[in-house]
Amino acid sequence: MDVLAALDQSRERLRAAVERVPSLQRDHRPSAERWSVAGVVEHLALVEERFTVLIGDKLERARAAGLGREDGSPALLSTEMRTRLVDRSERRQAPDPTHPTGLDCSAAWQRAEAARAAFRRLITGADGLALGTVVHEHPRFGALNVYQWAGFLAAHETRHTEQIIEISGTLQ
């Protein structure tokens, strides 16, 4: 699945960005209104956990209603949407439930890895089903199918990888 490759690539870039920050600085907030590297990683875990539950619920309901097999090429996240998601020129306010709670970077990373593993299990467990027909509404970007949500998660992670790179520049 191309969506899984995109998720793997975004995770590797995130890992590399985190590893470039000295471990003693990963939990340090560059300012009172900015997240630490650990906070960014925890935010990514919280978002992925939420989406996994939401999409899992939608997928379960679709299966119960007789979700068929995939027929044709699914609609993936458009280049335009990916560009909008990754663009850091506009600050966005994350919803409160996805704000970091203060985990240290090691715990945040473990949570992010567990969240990714759960999302992967959800997607691979539905391989071959018509995931392009299972849709959940995003408040800003509209209706997205499961493939687009996976692309959203990869692009969202890329956006925050850039944030970590910015943070690391302020900590030097």
N, C-alpha and C. Protein backbone atom coordinates (compact mmCIF):
# COMPACT_ATOMS: atom_id res chain seq x y z
N MET A 1 0.84 -1.19 0.00
CA MET A 1 0.00 0.00 0.00
C MET A 1 0.88 1.25 0.00
N ASP A 2 0.62 2.14 -0.92
CA ASP A 2 1.37 3.39 -0.98
C ASP A 2 1.19 4.23 0.28
N VAL A 3 0.03 4.16 0.89
CA VAL A 3 -0.22 4.97 2.09
C VAL A 3 0.67 4.51 3.23
N LEU A 4 0.93 3.21 3.32
CA LEU A 4 1.82 2.72 4.38
C LEU A 4 3.25 3.17 4.13
N ALA A 5 3.66 3.19 2.88
CA ALA A 5 5.01 3.68 2.56
C ALA A 5 5.15 5.15 2.94
N ALA A 6 4.12 5.94 2.68
CA ALA A 6 4.17 7.36 3.05
C ALA A 6 4.26 7.52 4.57
N LEU A 7 3.52 6.69 5.31
CA LEU A 7 3.59 6.73 6.77
C LEU A 7 4.98 6.32 7.26
N ASP A 8 5.56 5.30 6.64
CA ASP A 8 6.90 4.87 7.03
C ASP A 8 7.94 5.96 6.76
N GLN A 9 7.82 6.60 5.61
CA GLN A 9 8.77 7.67 5.25
C GLN A 9 8.65 8.86 6.20
N SER A 10 7.42 9.25 6.52
CA SER A 10 7.25 10.39 7.42
C SER A 10 7.79 10.05 8.81
N ARG A 11 7.61 8.81 9.24
CA ARG A 11 8.11 8.42 10.56
C ARG A 11 9.64 8.41 10.60
N GLU A 12 10.26 7.96 9.52
CA GLU A 12 11.73 7.97 9.48
C GLU A 12 12.28 9.39 9.51
N ARG A 13 11.62 10.32 8.80
CA ARG A 13 12.06 11.72 8.83
C ARG A 13 11.86 12.30 10.23
N LEU A 14 10.75 11.94 10.87
CA LEU A 14 10.52 12.40 12.24
C LEU A 14 11.60 11.87 13.16
N ARG A 15 11.89 10.58 13.07
CA ARG A 15 12.91 9.97 13.91
C ARG A 15 14.26 10.68 13.74
N ALA A 16 14.62 10.93 12.50
CA ALA A 16 15.90 11.60 12.22
C ALA A 16 15.92 13.01 12.82
N ALA A 17 14.81 13.74 12.71
CA ALA A 17 14.75 15.10 13.27
C ALA A 17 14.86 15.06 14.78
N VAL A 18 14.18 14.13 15.42
CA VAL A 18 14.25 14.02 16.89
C VAL A 18 15.67 13.66 17.31
N GLU A 19 16.28 12.74 16.61
CA GLU A 19 17.63 12.29 16.97
C GLU A 19 18.68 13.38 16.79
N ARG A 20 18.40 14.36 15.94
CA ARG A 20 19.35 15.48 15.77
C ARG A 20 19.34 16.42 16.97
N VAL A 21 18.29 16.36 17.77
CA VAL A 21 18.20 17.20 18.97
C VAL A 21 18.87 16.44 20.11
N PRO A 22 19.84 17.06 20.79
CA PRO A 22 20.48 16.37 21.92
C PRO A 22 19.41 15.90 22.93
N SER A 23 19.58 14.69 23.43
CA SER A 23 18.55 14.08 24.29
C SER A 23 18.21 14.95 25.50
N LEU A 24 19.17 15.67 26.04
CA LEU A 24 18.91 16.51 27.20
C LEU A 24 18.05 17.73 26.87
N GLN A 25 17.92 18.05 25.58
CA GLN A 25 17.14 19.23 25.17
C GLN A 25 15.76 18.88 24.62
N ARG A 26 15.47 17.61 24.45
CA ARG A 26 14.21 17.20 23.82
C ARG A 26 12.98 17.53 24.67
N ASP A 27 13.16 17.64 25.98
CA ASP A 27 12.03 17.94 26.86
C ASP A 27 11.93 19.42 27.19
N HIS A 28 12.84 20.22 26.66
CA HIS A 28 12.90 21.66 26.96
C HIS A 28 12.03 22.45 25.97
N ARG A 29 11.14 23.29 26.51
CA ARG A 29 10.31 24.16 25.67
C ARG A 29 11.13 25.40 25.30
N PRO A 30 11.19 25.75 24.02
CA PRO A 30 11.96 26.93 23.62
C PRO A 30 11.38 28.24 24.17
N SER A 31 10.08 28.25 24.47
CA SER A 31 9.43 29.39 25.11
C SER A 31 8.13 28.89 25.73
N ALA A 32 7.52 29.72 26.55
CA ALA A 32 6.31 29.31 27.27
C ALA A 32 5.17 28.95 26.33
N GLU A 33 5.11 29.58 25.16
CA GLU A 33 4.00 29.32 24.23
C GLU A 33 4.35 28.30 23.14
N ARG A 34 5.50 27.69 23.23
CA ARG A 34 5.91 26.70 22.22
C ARG A 34 6.07 25.33 22.87
N TRP A 35 5.83 24.29 22.11
CA TRP A 35 5.99 22.93 22.60
C TRP A 35 7.45 22.51 22.52
N SER A 36 7.82 21.60 23.38
CA SER A 36 9.12 20.95 23.30
C SER A 36 9.08 19.90 22.20
N VAL A 37 10.23 19.34 21.88
CA VAL A 37 10.28 18.23 20.93
C VAL A 37 9.40 17.09 21.46
N ALA A 38 9.52 16.81 22.76
CA ALA A 38 8.69 15.76 23.38
C ALA A 38 7.21 16.09 23.21
N GLY A 39 6.85 17.36 23.39
CA GLY A 39 5.46 17.78 23.25
C GLY A 39 4.94 17.57 21.84
N VAL A 40 5.77 17.85 20.86
CA VAL A 40 5.37 17.65 19.46
C VAL A 40 5.14 16.16 19.19
N VAL A 41 6.05 15.33 19.67
CA VAL A 41 5.91 13.89 19.47
C VAL A 41 4.65 13.37 20.18
N GLU A 42 4.41 13.85 21.39
CA GLU A 42 3.20 13.44 22.11
C GLU A 42 1.94 13.88 21.35
N HIS A 43 1.94 15.10 20.83
CA HIS A 43 0.82 15.59 20.04
C HIS A 43 0.55 14.66 18.85
N LEU A 44 1.60 14.26 18.16
CA LEU A 44 1.43 13.36 17.03
C LEU A 44 0.81 12.04 17.47
N ALA A 45 1.24 11.53 18.61
CA ALA A 45 0.67 10.29 19.14
C ALA A 45 -0.81 10.47 19.45
N LEU A 46 -1.15 11.58 20.10
CA LEU A 46 -2.55 11.84 20.47
C LEU A 46 -3.44 11.95 19.23
N VAL A 47 -2.96 12.64 18.21
CA VAL A 47 -3.73 12.78 16.97
C VAL A 47 -3.94 11.42 16.32
N GLU A 48 -2.87 10.64 16.23
CA GLU A 48 -2.99 9.34 15.57
C GLU A 48 -3.90 8.40 16.36
N GLU A 49 -3.83 8.45 17.68
CA GLU A 49 -4.73 7.65 18.51
C GLU A 49 -6.19 8.02 18.24
N ARG A 50 -6.46 9.32 18.19
CA ARG A 50 -7.84 9.79 17.92
C ARG A 50 -8.34 9.33 16.57
N PHE A 51 -7.50 9.52 15.54
CA PHE A 51 -7.91 9.14 14.19
C PHE A 51 -8.10 7.63 14.08
N THR A 52 -7.28 6.86 14.75
CA THR A 52 -7.42 5.41 14.71
C THR A 52 -8.77 4.99 15.29
N VAL A 53 -9.17 5.60 16.39
CA VAL A 53 -10.47 5.28 16.98
C VAL A 53 -11.60 5.72 16.05
N LEU A 54 -11.53 6.96 15.56
CA LEU A 54 -12.59 7.47 14.68
C LEU A 54 -12.74 6.63 13.42
N ILE A 55 -11.62 6.38 12.77
CA ILE A 55 -11.66 5.63 11.52
C ILE A 55 -12.03 4.18 11.79
N GLY A 56 -11.54 3.64 12.90
CA GLY A 56 -11.90 2.27 13.28
C GLY A 56 -13.40 2.12 13.47
N ASP A 57 -14.01 3.11 14.12
CA ASP A 57 -15.47 3.09 14.31
C ASP A 57 -16.20 3.15 12.97
N LYS A 58 -15.76 4.04 12.09
CA LYS A 58 -16.38 4.16 10.76
C LYS A 58 -16.22 2.86 9.98
N LEU A 59 -15.04 2.28 10.06
CA LEU A 59 -14.77 1.04 9.33
C LEU A 59 -15.62 -0.10 9.88
N GLU A 60 -15.76 -0.18 11.18
CA GLU A 60 -16.59 -1.23 11.79
C GLU A 60 -18.04 -1.10 11.35
N ARG A 61 -18.55 0.13 11.33
CA ARG A 61 -19.93 0.34 10.88
C ARG A 61 -20.09 -0.02 9.40
N ALA A 62 -19.08 0.33 8.60
CA ALA A 62 -19.14 0.01 7.17
C ALA A 62 -19.10 -1.50 6.95
N ARG A 63 -18.29 -2.20 7.72
CA ARG A 63 -18.24 -3.67 7.61
C ARG A 63 -19.60 -4.27 7.98
N ALA A 64 -20.18 -3.76 9.07
CA ALA A 64 -21.48 -4.26 9.51
C ALA A 64 -22.56 -4.02 8.45
N ALA A 65 -22.39 -2.95 7.67
CA ALA A 65 -23.35 -2.63 6.62
C ALA A 65 -23.04 -3.34 5.31
N GLY A 66 -21.98 -4.18 5.31
CA GLY A 66 -21.67 -4.96 4.11
C GLY A 66 -20.61 -4.36 3.22
N LEU A 67 -19.64 -3.68 3.78
CA LEU A 67 -18.56 -3.08 3.00
C LEU A 67 -17.97 -4.10 2.03
N GLY A 68 -17.92 -3.72 0.77
CA GLY A 68 -17.43 -4.62 -0.27
C GLY A 68 -15.92 -4.54 -0.46
N ARG A 69 -15.49 -5.13 -1.53
CA ARG A 69 -14.08 -5.15 -1.90
C ARG A 69 -13.73 -3.87 -2.66
N GLU A 70 -12.46 -3.51 -2.62
CA GLU A 70 -11.98 -2.32 -3.34
C GLU A 70 -12.19 -2.55 -4.82
N ASP A 71 -12.67 -1.53 -5.50
CA ASP A 71 -12.95 -1.63 -6.92
C ASP A 71 -12.30 -0.43 -7.61
N GLY A 72 -11.15 -0.65 -8.20
CA GLY A 72 -10.46 0.44 -8.87
C GLY A 72 -9.45 1.12 -7.97
N SER A 73 -8.92 2.21 -8.45
CA SER A 73 -7.90 2.95 -7.70
C SER A 73 -8.56 3.90 -6.71
N PRO A 74 -8.14 3.82 -5.46
CA PRO A 74 -8.75 4.71 -4.46
C PRO A 74 -8.25 6.14 -4.59
N ALA A 75 -9.08 7.07 -4.17
CA ALA A 75 -8.68 8.48 -4.16
C ALA A 75 -7.73 8.69 -2.98
N LEU A 76 -6.53 9.14 -3.30
CA LEU A 76 -5.53 9.42 -2.27
C LEU A 76 -5.54 10.91 -1.95
N LEU A 77 -4.79 11.29 -0.95
CA LEU A 77 -4.68 12.70 -0.59
C LEU A 77 -4.07 13.46 -1.77
N SER A 78 -4.71 14.53 -2.17
CA SER A 78 -4.23 15.30 -3.32
C SER A 78 -2.94 16.03 -2.97
N THR A 79 -2.16 16.34 -3.99
CA THR A 79 -0.93 17.09 -3.79
C THR A 79 -1.24 18.46 -3.19
N GLU A 80 -2.32 19.07 -3.64
CA GLU A 80 -2.72 20.37 -3.10
C GLU A 80 -3.01 20.29 -1.60
N MET A 81 -3.76 19.28 -1.21
CA MET A 81 -4.10 19.13 0.20
C MET A 81 -2.85 18.84 1.02
N ARG A 82 -1.97 17.98 0.50
CA ARG A 82 -0.73 17.67 1.21
C ARG A 82 0.10 18.93 1.39
N THR A 83 0.18 19.74 0.36
CA THR A 83 0.94 20.99 0.43
C THR A 83 0.35 21.91 1.49
N ARG A 84 -0.98 22.02 1.55
CA ARG A 84 -1.64 22.85 2.56
C ARG A 84 -1.37 22.33 3.97
N LEU A 85 -1.37 21.01 4.12
CA LEU A 85 -1.13 20.42 5.44
C LEU A 85 0.30 20.65 5.93
N VAL A 86 1.24 20.53 5.04
CA VAL A 86 2.65 20.63 5.41
C VAL A 86 3.09 22.08 5.60
N ASP A 87 2.42 23.00 4.95
CA ASP A 87 2.79 24.42 4.98
C ASP A 87 2.79 24.96 6.42
N ARG A 88 3.94 25.44 6.86
CA ARG A 88 4.06 25.98 8.21
C ARG A 88 4.01 27.50 8.25
N SER A 89 3.68 28.13 7.15
CA SER A 89 3.62 29.59 7.14
C SER A 89 2.41 30.11 7.92
N GLU A 90 1.43 29.23 8.12
CA GLU A 90 0.23 29.59 8.87
C GLU A 90 0.18 28.76 10.15
N ARG A 91 0.18 29.44 11.29
CA ARG A 91 0.06 28.72 12.57
C ARG A 91 -1.36 28.21 12.72
N ARG A 92 -1.45 27.02 13.30
CA ARG A 92 -2.76 26.43 13.55
C ARG A 92 -2.86 26.06 15.03
N GLN A 93 -4.04 26.16 15.54
CA GLN A 93 -4.28 25.80 16.94
C GLN A 93 -4.81 24.37 16.99
N ALA A 94 -4.09 23.51 17.68
CA ALA A 94 -4.54 22.13 17.82
C ALA A 94 -5.70 22.06 18.80
N PRO A 95 -6.64 21.17 18.58
CA PRO A 95 -7.73 21.00 19.54
C PRO A 95 -7.18 20.57 20.90
N ASP A 96 -7.83 21.00 21.95
CA ASP A 96 -7.35 20.71 23.31
C ASP A 96 -7.03 19.25 23.57
N PRO A 97 -7.85 18.30 23.13
CA PRO A 97 -7.53 16.90 23.43
C PRO A 97 -6.21 16.41 22.81
N THR A 98 -5.66 17.19 21.88
CA THR A 98 -4.39 16.78 21.26
C THR A 98 -3.21 17.61 21.74
N HIS A 99 -3.42 18.39 22.80
CA HIS A 99 -2.31 19.14 23.39
C HIS A 99 -1.48 18.20 24.25
N PRO A 100 -0.16 18.34 24.20
CA PRO A 100 0.68 17.47 25.02
C PRO A 100 0.41 17.64 26.51
N THR A 101 0.58 16.54 27.23
CA THR A 101 0.30 16.54 28.67
C THR A 101 1.57 16.62 29.51
N GLY A 102 2.74 16.55 28.86
CA GLY A 102 3.99 16.67 29.61
C GLY A 102 4.83 15.41 29.66
N LEU A 103 4.54 14.45 28.79
CA LEU A 103 5.38 13.26 28.75
C LEU A 103 6.81 13.63 28.39
N ASP A 104 7.77 12.89 28.91
CA ASP A 104 9.14 13.11 28.45
C ASP A 104 9.27 12.50 27.05
N CYS A 105 10.36 12.80 26.39
CA CYS A 105 10.48 12.41 24.98
C CYS A 105 10.47 10.89 24.80
N SER A 106 11.08 10.18 25.70
CA SER A 106 11.09 8.72 25.59
C SER A 106 9.67 8.16 25.67
N ALA A 107 8.90 8.61 26.64
CA ALA A 107 7.52 8.15 26.80
C ALA A 107 6.65 8.60 25.62
N ALA A 108 6.88 9.83 25.15
CA ALA A 108 6.11 10.33 24.00
C ALA A 108 6.42 9.50 22.76
N TRP A 109 7.69 9.16 22.57
CA TRP A 109 8.07 8.36 21.41
C TRP A 109 7.43 6.97 21.48
N GLN A 110 7.43 6.37 22.66
CA GLN A 110 6.79 5.06 22.82
C GLN A 110 5.30 5.14 22.49
N ARG A 111 4.68 6.20 22.93
CA ARG A 111 3.25 6.37 22.66
C ARG A 111 3.02 6.56 21.16
N ALA A 112 3.88 7.33 20.51
CA ALA A 112 3.75 7.55 19.06
C ALA A 112 3.95 6.24 18.29
N GLU A 113 4.88 5.44 18.72
CA GLU A 113 5.12 4.15 18.05
C GLU A 113 3.93 3.21 18.25
N ALA A 114 3.37 3.20 19.45
CA ALA A 114 2.19 2.37 19.71
C ALA A 114 0.99 2.84 18.88
N ALA A 115 0.83 4.16 18.77
CA ALA A 115 -0.26 4.71 17.97
C ALA A 115 -0.10 4.33 16.51
N ARG A 116 1.12 4.41 16.00
CA ARG A 116 1.37 4.04 14.60
C ARG A 116 1.10 2.56 14.38
N ALA A 117 1.53 1.73 15.31
CA ALA A 117 1.31 0.29 15.17
C ALA A 117 -0.19 -0.02 15.14
N ALA A 118 -0.96 0.66 15.98
CA ALA A 118 -2.41 0.44 16.01
C ALA A 118 -3.05 0.89 14.70
N PHE A 119 -2.61 2.03 14.16
CA PHE A 119 -3.16 2.51 12.89
C PHE A 119 -2.81 1.55 11.76
N ARG A 120 -1.58 1.07 11.75
CA ARG A 120 -1.16 0.11 10.71
C ARG A 120 -1.99 -1.17 10.79
N ARG A 121 -2.23 -1.66 12.00
CA ARG A 121 -3.05 -2.87 12.16
C ARG A 121 -4.46 -2.64 11.62
N LEU A 122 -5.00 -1.46 11.90
CA LEU A 122 -6.34 -1.13 11.41
C LEU A 122 -6.37 -1.17 9.89
N ILE A 123 -5.40 -0.54 9.26
CA ILE A 123 -5.37 -0.45 7.79
C ILE A 123 -5.08 -1.81 7.16
N THR A 124 -4.07 -2.49 7.65
CA THR A 124 -3.72 -3.78 7.04
C THR A 124 -4.80 -4.83 7.30
N GLY A 125 -5.51 -4.71 8.41
CA GLY A 125 -6.60 -5.64 8.70
C GLY A 125 -7.79 -5.45 7.79
N ALA A 126 -7.82 -4.36 7.07
CA ALA A 126 -8.92 -4.08 6.15
C ALA A 126 -8.44 -4.09 4.70
N ASP A 127 -7.26 -4.60 4.46
CA ASP A 127 -6.69 -4.62 3.11
C ASP A 127 -7.65 -5.34 2.15
N GLY A 128 -7.87 -4.72 1.02
CA GLY A 128 -8.75 -5.28 0.00
C GLY A 128 -10.18 -4.80 0.08
N LEU A 129 -10.56 -4.25 1.25
CA LEU A 129 -11.91 -3.72 1.38
C LEU A 129 -11.99 -2.33 0.75
N ALA A 130 -13.17 -1.87 0.48
CA ALA A 130 -13.40 -0.59 -0.20
C ALA A 130 -13.18 0.58 0.77
N LEU A 131 -11.93 0.76 1.19
CA LEU A 131 -11.60 1.83 2.15
C LEU A 131 -11.82 3.21 1.56
N GLY A 132 -11.81 3.30 0.25
CA GLY A 132 -12.07 4.57 -0.40
C GLY A 132 -13.51 5.05 -0.22
N THR A 133 -14.38 4.16 0.23
CA THR A 133 -15.78 4.54 0.45
C THR A 133 -16.08 4.84 1.91
N VAL A 134 -15.13 4.59 2.79
CA VAL A 134 -15.30 4.86 4.22
C VAL A 134 -14.77 6.26 4.48
N VAL A 135 -15.66 7.16 4.86
CA VAL A 135 -15.34 8.59 4.93
C VAL A 135 -15.60 9.12 6.33
N HIS A 136 -14.71 10.02 6.75
CA HIS A 136 -14.91 10.76 8.01
C HIS A 136 -14.60 12.22 7.73
N GLU A 137 -15.39 13.09 8.29
CA GLU A 137 -15.28 14.54 8.05
C GLU A 137 -14.17 15.14 8.91
N HIS A 138 -13.29 15.91 8.28
CA HIS A 138 -12.31 16.71 9.00
C HIS A 138 -12.86 18.12 9.10
N PRO A 139 -12.80 18.77 10.26
CA PRO A 139 -13.43 20.09 10.41
C PRO A 139 -12.85 21.16 9.48
N ARG A 140 -11.63 21.02 9.08
CA ARG A 140 -11.00 22.03 8.23
C ARG A 140 -10.91 21.61 6.76
N PHE A 141 -10.69 20.31 6.53
CA PHE A 141 -10.39 19.83 5.18
C PHE A 141 -11.53 19.04 4.54
N GLY A 142 -12.63 18.86 5.25
CA GLY A 142 -13.79 18.20 4.68
C GLY A 142 -13.73 16.69 4.77
N ALA A 143 -14.55 16.06 3.93
CA ALA A 143 -14.67 14.60 3.94
C ALA A 143 -13.41 13.95 3.37
N LEU A 144 -12.85 13.02 4.15
CA LEU A 144 -11.66 12.28 3.73
C LEU A 144 -11.94 10.78 3.87
N ASN A 145 -11.53 10.02 2.86
CA ASN A 145 -11.67 8.57 2.98
C ASN A 145 -10.48 8.01 3.77
N VAL A 146 -10.48 6.72 4.03
CA VAL A 146 -9.43 6.11 4.86
C VAL A 146 -8.04 6.33 4.26
N TYR A 147 -7.92 6.19 2.96
CA TYR A 147 -6.62 6.41 2.31
C TYR A 147 -6.16 7.86 2.49
N GLN A 148 -7.08 8.78 2.35
CA GLN A 148 -6.75 10.19 2.52
C GLN A 148 -6.39 10.50 3.97
N TRP A 149 -7.07 9.84 4.92
CA TRP A 149 -6.71 10.02 6.34
C TRP A 149 -5.30 9.53 6.59
N ALA A 150 -4.92 8.43 5.99
CA ALA A 150 -3.54 7.94 6.14
C ALA A 150 -2.57 8.96 5.56
N GLY A 151 -2.89 9.51 4.40
CA GLY A 151 -2.05 10.56 3.82
C GLY A 151 -2.03 11.80 4.69
N PHE A 152 -3.17 12.12 5.29
CA PHE A 152 -3.24 13.24 6.23
C PHE A 152 -2.28 13.02 7.38
N LEU A 153 -2.30 11.83 7.96
CA LEU A 153 -1.40 11.55 9.09
C LEU A 153 0.07 11.69 8.68
N ALA A 154 0.42 11.21 7.50
CA ALA A 154 1.81 11.34 7.03
C ALA A 154 2.17 12.81 6.82
N ALA A 155 1.28 13.58 6.21
CA ALA A 155 1.54 15.01 5.98
C ALA A 155 1.59 15.78 7.30
N HIS A 156 0.70 15.46 8.21
CA HIS A 156 0.68 16.10 9.53
C HIS A 156 2.00 15.83 10.25
N GLU A 157 2.48 14.60 10.15
CA GLU A 157 3.75 14.26 10.78
C GLU A 157 4.90 15.02 10.12
N THR A 158 4.84 15.18 8.81
CA THR A 158 5.87 15.95 8.10
C THR A 158 5.85 17.40 8.55
N ARG A 159 4.66 17.97 8.71
CA ARG A 159 4.53 19.35 9.20
C ARG A 159 5.23 19.50 10.56
N HIS A 160 4.99 18.55 11.44
CA HIS A 160 5.57 18.65 12.77
C HIS A 160 7.04 18.25 12.81
N THR A 161 7.49 17.48 11.85
CA THR A 161 8.92 17.23 11.71
C THR A 161 9.63 18.55 11.43
N GLU A 162 9.04 19.36 10.55
CA GLU A 162 9.60 20.68 10.27
C GLU A 162 9.59 21.55 11.53
N GLN A 163 8.56 21.41 12.34
CA GLN A 163 8.50 22.16 13.60
C GLN A 163 9.65 21.74 14.52
N ILE A 164 9.93 20.45 14.59
CA ILE A 164 11.04 19.96 15.42
C ILE A 164 12.36 20.51 14.91
N ILE A 165 12.53 20.57 13.62
CA ILE A 165 13.76 21.13 13.04
C ILE A 165 13.87 22.60 13.44
N GLU A 166 12.76 23.34 13.40
CA GLU A 166 12.76 24.74 13.85
C GLU A 166 13.11 24.84 15.33
N ILE A 167 12.53 23.99 16.15
CA ILE A 167 12.80 23.99 17.58
C ILE A 167 14.28 23.74 17.83
N SER A 168 14.82 22.76 17.13
CA SER A 168 16.23 22.42 17.36
C SER A 168 17.15 23.59 17.04
N GLY A 169 16.75 24.41 16.07
CA GLY A 169 17.54 25.59 15.74
C GLY A 169 17.54 26.63 16.86
N THR A 170 16.48 26.67 17.64
CA THR A 170 16.41 27.64 18.75
C THR A 170 17.12 27.13 20.00
N LEU A 171 17.38 25.82 20.08
CA LEU A 171 17.99 25.24 21.26
C LEU A 171 19.51 25.20 21.19
N GLN A 172 20.08 25.46 20.04
CA GLN A 172 21.53 25.35 19.87
C GLN A 172 22.29 26.41 20.62
